Amino acid sequence: MTKHALLALPATKKIQGSDGRNAARHAPGRGGVRRSGRRVLDVGCGYGRLLALLQAAGLEPTGVDLNPEIVAANRKAGLSCISTDEFESSNDGTM
């Protein structure tokens, strides 16, 4: 059985900032705790700002989005992202 992490970050101006450096302060793994190997699912991931932060923090995020153009842009940026159709058809127990 695969264990999944539920991650909730507070919605603050620093997390929503556009420079990424402020948002990174709130990313998991801060304070000397590395959580490598932890999988996170970001449903409605948009253009992957949170995906990039989670990946930089040593987590294994996968984004899900309805818009195929957004999914393609995230993949091009090196982020793991699938469409909602791919997510719904996934029955292999990995999600």
Protein backbone atom coordinates (compact mmCIF):
# COMPACT_ATOMS: atom_id res chain seq x y z
CA MET A 1 0.00 0.00 0.00
CA THR A 2 1.38 3.39 -0.99
CA LYS A 3 1.45 6.09 1.67
CA HIS A 4 0.47 9.57 0.58
CA ALA A 5 1.17 12.84 2.29
CA LEU A 6 -1.51 15.45 2.66
CA LEU A 7 0.13 18.83 2.62
CA ALA A 8 -1.61 22.07 3.50
CA LEU A 9 0.32 25.32 3.20
CA PRO A 10 -1.11 28.54 4.59
CA ALA A 11 -2.33 30.96 1.96
CA THR A 12 -0.19 33.97 2.71
CA LYS A 13 1.07 36.79 0.56
CA LYS A 14 4.58 35.34 0.78
CA ILE A 15 3.48 32.01 -0.69
CA GLN A 16 1.56 33.79 -3.43
CA GLY A 17 4.51 36.06 -4.23
CA SER A 18 5.93 35.96 -7.72
CA ASP A 19 9.63 35.81 -6.83
CA GLY A 20 9.65 32.19 -5.59
CA ARG A 21 12.25 32.98 -2.92
CA ASN A 22 9.62 34.08 -0.43
CA ALA A 23 7.44 31.09 -1.26
CA ALA A 24 10.37 28.72 -0.81
CA ARG A 25 10.61 29.77 2.85
CA HIS A 26 7.31 28.00 3.44
CA ALA A 27 8.09 24.87 1.46
CA PRO A 28 8.27 21.50 3.19
CA GLY A 29 11.73 20.44 4.27
CA ARG A 30 12.58 23.85 5.73
CA GLY A 31 14.34 23.81 9.08
CA GLY A 32 16.67 20.93 8.30
CA VAL A 33 13.97 18.33 7.73
CA ARG A 34 14.23 16.64 4.32
CA ARG A 35 11.28 14.56 3.27
CA SER A 36 12.77 12.80 0.26
CA GLY A 37 10.65 10.11 -1.29
CA ARG A 38 7.34 11.59 -0.17
CA ARG A 39 4.73 11.74 -2.91
CA VAL A 40 2.32 14.67 -3.14
CA LEU A 41 -0.64 15.13 -5.50
CA ASP A 42 -1.52 18.71 -6.46
CA VAL A 43 -5.00 18.70 -8.00
CA GLY A 44 -5.71 21.82 -10.04
CA CYS A 45 -1.98 22.58 -10.18
CA GLY A 46 -2.13 25.39 -12.75
CA TYR A 47 1.28 26.37 -14.10
CA GLY A 48 3.11 24.42 -11.39
CA ARG A 49 4.43 27.04 -8.99
CA LEU A 50 3.70 24.78 -6.01
CA LEU A 51 4.95 21.72 -7.92
CA ALA A 52 8.33 23.39 -8.42
CA LEU A 53 8.57 24.34 -4.74
CA LEU A 54 7.68 20.85 -3.59
CA GLN A 55 10.16 19.29 -5.99
CA ALA A 56 12.91 21.67 -4.80
CA ALA A 57 12.09 20.64 -1.22
CA GLY A 58 12.88 17.01 -2.02
CA LEU A 59 9.32 15.76 -2.42
CA GLU A 60 7.89 13.91 -5.43
CA PRO A 61 4.94 16.03 -6.57
CA THR A 62 2.58 15.17 -9.40
CA GLY A 63 0.22 17.79 -10.72
CA VAL A 64 -3.23 17.19 -12.18
CA ASP A 65 -4.95 19.77 -14.35
CA LEU A 66 -7.93 19.90 -16.70
CA ASN A 67 -6.23 22.14 -19.29
CA PRO A 68 -4.00 20.14 -21.68
CA GLU A 69 -1.94 23.25 -22.51
CA ILE A 70 -1.07 23.71 -18.84
CA VAL A 71 -0.16 20.02 -18.54
CA ALA A 72 2.13 20.34 -21.58
CA ALA A 73 3.77 23.51 -20.20
CA ASN A 74 4.46 21.82 -16.85
CA ARG A 75 5.96 18.78 -18.54
CA LYS A 76 8.14 21.02 -20.73
CA ALA A 77 9.36 22.71 -17.52
CA GLY A 78 10.42 19.32 -16.16
CA LEU A 79 7.51 18.90 -13.75
CA SER A 80 5.46 15.73 -13.36
CA CYS A 81 1.95 16.57 -14.51
CA ILE A 82 -0.99 14.60 -15.88
CA SER A 83 -4.37 15.52 -17.29
CA THR A 84 -7.59 14.83 -15.43
CA ASP A 85 -8.39 12.18 -18.07
CA GLU A 86 -5.08 10.43 -17.35
CA PHE A 87 -5.76 10.65 -13.62
CA GLU A 88 -9.27 9.21 -13.93
CA SER A 89 -8.08 6.31 -16.10
CA SER A 90 -5.21 5.45 -13.72
CA ASN A 91 -6.21 2.30 -11.85
CA ASP A 92 -2.76 0.93 -11.08
CA GLY A 93 -2.78 2.07 -7.42
CA THR A 94 0.06 4.55 -7.77
CA MET A 95 -2.02 7.67 -7.29
